[in-house]
Amino acid sequence: MATTTQINGADNVYLSADWADELEAQGLDGYSPVKRWRTLTLRGNVMPAADFDDLEALAGGYVSVTVPPYDDRNADYVTYYGALLTRVAGRHDGPNIADVTAEAMVWV
């Protein structure tokens, strides 16, 4: 039972996960379906620059992520394969990177 965020099977204790719902265009009947690709945002306050460089090298590629499931965020962590890591950002602060944000598109 995983309880730590993982990217490509490697523990990343610096990041926590949050899911975002994205709605498709609203239909004439008022029904707004939710897209199957969901945005997963991974955030961390501070991370060593070496670990950030490893994460940044994965940007633009497909990765596996182990995070709380989309439909029950309090359940045991599950692994989603084929997540597209779309963005990795942070602010350089000495030997560390602060305000780390990574976004991935995950098929749910």
N, C-alpha and C. Protein backbone atom coordinates (compact mmCIF):
# COMPACT_ATOMS: atom_id res chain seq x y z
N MET A 1 0.85 -1.17 0.00
CA MET A 1 0.00 0.00 0.00
C MET A 1 0.90 1.24 0.00
N ALA A 2 0.89 1.96 -1.12
CA ALA A 2 1.71 3.18 -1.23
C ALA A 2 1.02 4.34 -0.53
N THR A 3 1.79 5.13 0.17
CA THR A 3 1.26 6.34 0.80
C THR A 3 2.14 7.54 0.49
N THR A 4 3.03 7.38 -0.48
CA THR A 4 3.92 8.45 -0.90
C THR A 4 3.75 8.65 -2.39
N THR A 5 3.71 9.89 -2.82
CA THR A 5 3.62 10.17 -4.25
C THR A 5 4.84 9.59 -4.95
N GLN A 6 4.58 8.91 -6.06
CA GLN A 6 5.67 8.31 -6.84
C GLN A 6 5.54 8.75 -8.29
N ILE A 7 6.70 8.96 -8.92
CA ILE A 7 6.75 9.24 -10.35
C ILE A 7 7.70 8.22 -10.96
N ASN A 8 7.18 7.45 -11.92
CA ASN A 8 7.93 6.35 -12.53
C ASN A 8 8.48 5.39 -11.48
N GLY A 9 7.70 5.14 -10.43
CA GLY A 9 8.06 4.17 -9.40
C GLY A 9 9.02 4.68 -8.34
N ALA A 10 9.51 5.90 -8.48
CA ALA A 10 10.45 6.46 -7.49
C ALA A 10 9.69 7.37 -6.53
N ASP A 11 9.90 7.17 -5.24
CA ASP A 11 9.24 8.01 -4.23
C ASP A 11 9.64 9.47 -4.41
N ASN A 12 8.65 10.34 -4.24
CA ASN A 12 8.91 11.77 -4.25
C ASN A 12 8.19 12.35 -3.03
N VAL A 13 8.89 12.45 -1.92
CA VAL A 13 8.30 12.88 -0.66
C VAL A 13 8.05 14.39 -0.62
N TYR A 14 8.52 15.11 -1.62
CA TYR A 14 8.40 16.56 -1.62
C TYR A 14 7.08 17.05 -2.21
N LEU A 15 6.39 16.21 -2.95
CA LEU A 15 5.20 16.64 -3.68
C LEU A 15 3.93 16.03 -3.12
N SER A 16 2.85 16.80 -3.13
CA SER A 16 1.53 16.31 -2.79
C SER A 16 0.62 16.52 -3.99
N ALA A 17 -0.38 15.66 -4.13
CA ALA A 17 -1.21 15.64 -5.33
C ALA A 17 -2.57 16.28 -5.09
N ASP A 18 -3.09 16.90 -6.15
CA ASP A 18 -4.44 17.47 -6.14
C ASP A 18 -5.03 17.31 -7.53
N TRP A 19 -6.29 16.90 -7.60
CA TRP A 19 -6.98 16.69 -8.88
C TRP A 19 -7.84 17.90 -9.22
N ALA A 20 -8.00 18.16 -10.51
CA ALA A 20 -8.88 19.24 -10.97
C ALA A 20 -9.87 18.67 -11.98
N ASP A 21 -11.14 19.04 -11.83
CA ASP A 21 -12.16 18.64 -12.80
C ASP A 21 -12.14 19.62 -13.96
N GLU A 22 -12.26 19.10 -15.16
CA GLU A 22 -12.34 19.95 -16.34
C GLU A 22 -13.60 19.59 -17.09
N LEU A 23 -14.47 20.56 -17.28
CA LEU A 23 -15.74 20.33 -17.95
C LEU A 23 -15.60 20.52 -19.44
N GLU A 24 -16.32 19.69 -20.19
CA GLU A 24 -16.42 19.91 -21.62
C GLU A 24 -17.45 21.00 -21.84
N ALA A 25 -17.68 21.39 -23.08
CA ALA A 25 -18.66 22.42 -23.39
C ALA A 25 -20.05 21.97 -22.94
N GLN A 26 -20.80 22.90 -22.39
CA GLN A 26 -22.14 22.58 -21.89
C GLN A 26 -23.08 22.34 -23.06
N GLY A 27 -23.89 21.29 -22.95
CA GLY A 27 -24.86 20.97 -23.99
C GLY A 27 -26.09 21.84 -23.88
N LEU A 28 -26.93 21.81 -24.90
CA LEU A 28 -28.16 22.60 -24.91
C LEU A 28 -29.12 22.16 -23.82
N ASP A 29 -28.99 20.91 -23.35
CA ASP A 29 -29.87 20.41 -22.30
C ASP A 29 -29.35 20.76 -20.90
N GLY A 30 -28.25 21.50 -20.82
CA GLY A 30 -27.71 21.91 -19.52
C GLY A 30 -26.76 20.90 -18.92
N TYR A 31 -26.57 19.77 -19.57
CA TYR A 31 -25.68 18.72 -19.08
C TYR A 31 -24.25 19.05 -19.48
N SER A 32 -23.34 19.02 -18.51
CA SER A 32 -21.93 19.30 -18.78
C SER A 32 -21.10 18.07 -18.42
N PRO A 33 -20.73 17.27 -19.42
CA PRO A 33 -19.92 16.09 -19.11
C PRO A 33 -18.51 16.48 -18.70
N VAL A 34 -17.89 15.63 -17.91
CA VAL A 34 -16.52 15.86 -17.47
C VAL A 34 -15.58 15.11 -18.41
N LYS A 35 -14.47 15.74 -18.77
CA LYS A 35 -13.50 15.12 -19.66
C LYS A 35 -12.87 13.90 -19.01
N ARG A 36 -12.45 12.93 -19.83
CA ARG A 36 -11.79 11.74 -19.30
C ARG A 36 -10.34 12.04 -18.90
N TRP A 37 -9.69 13.00 -19.58
CA TRP A 37 -8.34 13.41 -19.19
C TRP A 37 -8.49 14.42 -18.07
N ARG A 38 -7.90 14.16 -16.93
CA ARG A 38 -7.98 15.06 -15.79
C ARG A 38 -6.61 15.65 -15.51
N THR A 39 -6.62 16.85 -14.98
CA THR A 39 -5.36 17.50 -14.63
C THR A 39 -4.98 17.12 -13.21
N LEU A 40 -3.79 16.59 -13.06
CA LEU A 40 -3.22 16.27 -11.75
C LEU A 40 -2.14 17.30 -11.48
N THR A 41 -2.27 18.02 -10.38
CA THR A 41 -1.28 19.01 -10.00
C THR A 41 -0.50 18.50 -8.81
N LEU A 42 0.81 18.47 -8.94
CA LEU A 42 1.71 18.06 -7.86
C LEU A 42 2.42 19.31 -7.37
N ARG A 43 2.33 19.59 -6.07
CA ARG A 43 2.93 20.79 -5.51
C ARG A 43 3.84 20.45 -4.34
N GLY A 44 4.87 21.26 -4.19
CA GLY A 44 5.77 21.13 -3.06
C GLY A 44 6.36 22.47 -2.69
N ASN A 45 6.62 22.67 -1.40
CA ASN A 45 7.18 23.94 -0.94
C ASN A 45 8.63 24.09 -1.32
N VAL A 46 9.41 23.03 -1.12
CA VAL A 46 10.84 23.09 -1.41
C VAL A 46 11.32 21.69 -1.80
N MET A 47 12.31 21.66 -2.70
CA MET A 47 12.86 20.41 -3.18
C MET A 47 14.33 20.64 -3.52
N PRO A 48 15.18 19.68 -3.23
CA PRO A 48 16.58 19.84 -3.64
C PRO A 48 16.69 20.00 -5.16
N ALA A 49 17.61 20.84 -5.58
CA ALA A 49 17.76 21.14 -7.01
C ALA A 49 18.04 19.87 -7.83
N ALA A 50 18.79 18.93 -7.28
CA ALA A 50 19.10 17.70 -8.01
C ALA A 50 17.83 16.90 -8.29
N ASP A 51 16.93 16.82 -7.30
CA ASP A 51 15.66 16.10 -7.50
C ASP A 51 14.77 16.86 -8.48
N PHE A 52 14.79 18.18 -8.42
CA PHE A 52 14.00 18.98 -9.35
C PHE A 52 14.50 18.77 -10.78
N ASP A 53 15.81 18.70 -10.97
CA ASP A 53 16.36 18.48 -12.30
C ASP A 53 15.90 17.13 -12.87
N ASP A 54 15.85 16.11 -12.01
CA ASP A 54 15.36 14.81 -12.45
C ASP A 54 13.90 14.89 -12.88
N LEU A 55 13.10 15.62 -12.12
CA LEU A 55 11.68 15.80 -12.45
C LEU A 55 11.51 16.62 -13.72
N GLU A 56 12.28 17.67 -13.84
CA GLU A 56 12.17 18.55 -15.01
C GLU A 56 12.58 17.82 -16.30
N ALA A 57 13.49 16.87 -16.19
CA ALA A 57 13.91 16.10 -17.36
C ALA A 57 12.77 15.24 -17.92
N LEU A 58 11.78 14.93 -17.08
CA LEU A 58 10.64 14.11 -17.51
C LEU A 58 9.55 14.93 -18.19
N ALA A 59 9.62 16.26 -18.12
CA ALA A 59 8.58 17.14 -18.67
C ALA A 59 8.43 16.89 -20.16
N GLY A 60 7.18 16.81 -20.60
CA GLY A 60 6.88 16.59 -22.00
C GLY A 60 6.77 15.12 -22.37
N GLY A 61 7.03 14.25 -21.42
CA GLY A 61 6.98 12.81 -21.70
C GLY A 61 5.88 12.12 -20.89
N TYR A 62 5.71 10.85 -21.18
CA TYR A 62 4.72 10.04 -20.46
C TYR A 62 5.39 9.37 -19.26
N VAL A 63 4.70 9.41 -18.13
CA VAL A 63 5.22 8.84 -16.89
C VAL A 63 4.11 8.04 -16.22
N SER A 64 4.48 7.29 -15.21
CA SER A 64 3.49 6.67 -14.33
C SER A 64 3.50 7.46 -13.03
N VAL A 65 2.33 7.67 -12.47
CA VAL A 65 2.22 8.42 -11.21
C VAL A 65 1.42 7.59 -10.22
N THR A 66 1.89 7.55 -8.99
CA THR A 66 1.18 6.87 -7.91
C THR A 66 0.71 7.94 -6.95
N VAL A 67 -0.61 8.12 -6.91
CA VAL A 67 -1.25 9.20 -6.16
C VAL A 67 -2.59 8.70 -5.62
N PRO A 68 -3.24 9.48 -4.76
CA PRO A 68 -4.59 9.08 -4.35
C PRO A 68 -5.50 9.01 -5.58
N PRO A 69 -6.43 8.06 -5.62
CA PRO A 69 -7.30 7.94 -6.80
C PRO A 69 -8.19 9.16 -6.97
N TYR A 70 -8.57 9.41 -8.21
CA TYR A 70 -9.40 10.58 -8.51
C TYR A 70 -10.74 10.52 -7.80
N ASP A 71 -11.38 9.36 -7.80
CA ASP A 71 -12.75 9.26 -7.29
C ASP A 71 -12.85 9.13 -5.77
N ASP A 72 -11.74 8.85 -5.07
CA ASP A 72 -11.75 8.76 -3.62
C ASP A 72 -10.38 9.19 -3.10
N ARG A 73 -10.25 10.44 -2.82
CA ARG A 73 -8.94 11.02 -2.49
C ARG A 73 -8.42 10.62 -1.12
N ASN A 74 -9.23 9.89 -0.35
CA ASN A 74 -8.79 9.41 0.95
C ASN A 74 -8.42 7.94 0.93
N ALA A 75 -8.51 7.31 -0.23
CA ALA A 75 -8.22 5.87 -0.36
C ALA A 75 -6.73 5.64 -0.53
N ASP A 76 -6.35 4.35 -0.54
CA ASP A 76 -4.95 3.98 -0.79
C ASP A 76 -4.54 4.49 -2.17
N TYR A 77 -3.26 4.80 -2.30
CA TYR A 77 -2.74 5.31 -3.56
C TYR A 77 -2.82 4.26 -4.66
N VAL A 78 -3.07 4.71 -5.88
CA VAL A 78 -3.10 3.85 -7.05
C VAL A 78 -2.13 4.40 -8.09
N THR A 79 -1.75 3.56 -9.03
CA THR A 79 -0.81 3.98 -10.07
C THR A 79 -1.56 4.19 -11.38
N TYR A 80 -1.35 5.34 -11.98
CA TYR A 80 -1.88 5.66 -13.30
C TYR A 80 -0.71 5.64 -14.28
N TYR A 81 -0.86 4.86 -15.34
CA TYR A 81 0.19 4.74 -16.34
C TYR A 81 -0.15 5.63 -17.54
N GLY A 82 0.86 6.13 -18.22
CA GLY A 82 0.65 6.93 -19.42
C GLY A 82 0.18 8.33 -19.13
N ALA A 83 0.57 8.90 -18.00
CA ALA A 83 0.23 10.29 -17.69
C ALA A 83 1.21 11.20 -18.42
N LEU A 84 0.70 12.23 -19.07
CA LEU A 84 1.54 13.17 -19.80
C LEU A 84 1.95 14.30 -18.86
N LEU A 85 3.23 14.39 -18.56
CA LEU A 85 3.75 15.44 -17.68
C LEU A 85 3.90 16.71 -18.52
N THR A 86 2.97 17.64 -18.38
CA THR A 86 2.91 18.79 -19.27
C THR A 86 3.73 19.98 -18.81
N ARG A 87 3.92 20.13 -17.51
CA ARG A 87 4.62 21.33 -17.03
C ARG A 87 5.31 21.05 -15.71
N VAL A 88 6.54 21.56 -15.58
CA VAL A 88 7.29 21.51 -14.32
C VAL A 88 7.87 22.90 -14.12
N ALA A 89 7.61 23.49 -12.95
CA ALA A 89 8.10 24.84 -12.69
C ALA A 89 8.52 24.96 -11.23
N GLY A 90 9.40 25.91 -10.98
CA GLY A 90 9.85 26.17 -9.62
C GLY A 90 10.69 27.44 -9.60
N ARG A 91 11.02 27.89 -8.41
CA ARG A 91 11.80 29.11 -8.23
C ARG A 91 13.10 28.75 -7.54
N HIS A 92 14.21 29.09 -8.20
CA HIS A 92 15.53 28.75 -7.68
C HIS A 92 15.80 29.54 -6.41
N ASP A 93 16.18 28.82 -5.35
CA ASP A 93 16.43 29.44 -4.05
C ASP A 93 17.64 28.76 -3.42
N GLY A 94 18.83 29.21 -3.80
CA GLY A 94 20.06 28.59 -3.29
C GLY A 94 20.21 27.18 -3.82
N PRO A 95 20.54 26.21 -2.96
CA PRO A 95 20.69 24.83 -3.42
C PRO A 95 19.35 24.11 -3.60
N ASN A 96 18.27 24.81 -3.35
CA ASN A 96 16.93 24.22 -3.43
C ASN A 96 16.09 24.93 -4.49
N ILE A 97 14.98 24.29 -4.82
CA ILE A 97 13.97 24.88 -5.70
C ILE A 97 12.71 25.03 -4.85
N ALA A 98 12.18 26.25 -4.81
CA ALA A 98 10.99 26.53 -4.01
C ALA A 98 9.75 26.62 -4.90
N ASP A 99 8.59 26.49 -4.29
CA ASP A 99 7.30 26.60 -4.98
C ASP A 99 7.25 25.70 -6.22
N VAL A 100 7.53 24.45 -6.03
CA VAL A 100 7.57 23.48 -7.14
C VAL A 100 6.14 23.11 -7.54
N THR A 101 5.89 23.14 -8.84
CA THR A 101 4.60 22.74 -9.39
C THR A 101 4.83 21.87 -10.61
N ALA A 102 4.16 20.74 -10.66
CA ALA A 102 4.21 19.87 -11.83
C ALA A 102 2.77 19.51 -12.19
N GLU A 103 2.45 19.58 -13.47
CA GLU A 103 1.10 19.24 -13.92
C GLU A 103 1.18 18.08 -14.89
N ALA A 104 0.22 17.18 -14.76
CA ALA A 104 0.14 16.02 -15.64
C ALA A 104 -1.30 15.81 -16.07
N MET A 105 -1.46 15.37 -17.30
CA MET A 105 -2.78 14.99 -17.80
C MET A 105 -2.89 13.48 -17.62
N VAL A 106 -3.93 13.04 -16.89
CA VAL A 106 -4.09 11.63 -16.55
C VAL A 106 -5.42 11.14 -17.09
N TRP A 107 -5.41 10.01 -17.78
CA TRP A 107 -6.64 9.39 -18.27
C TRP A 107 -7.28 8.61 -17.14
N VAL A 108 -8.48 9.04 -16.75
CA VAL A 108 -9.18 8.41 -15.62
C VAL A 108 -10.32 7.55 -16.14
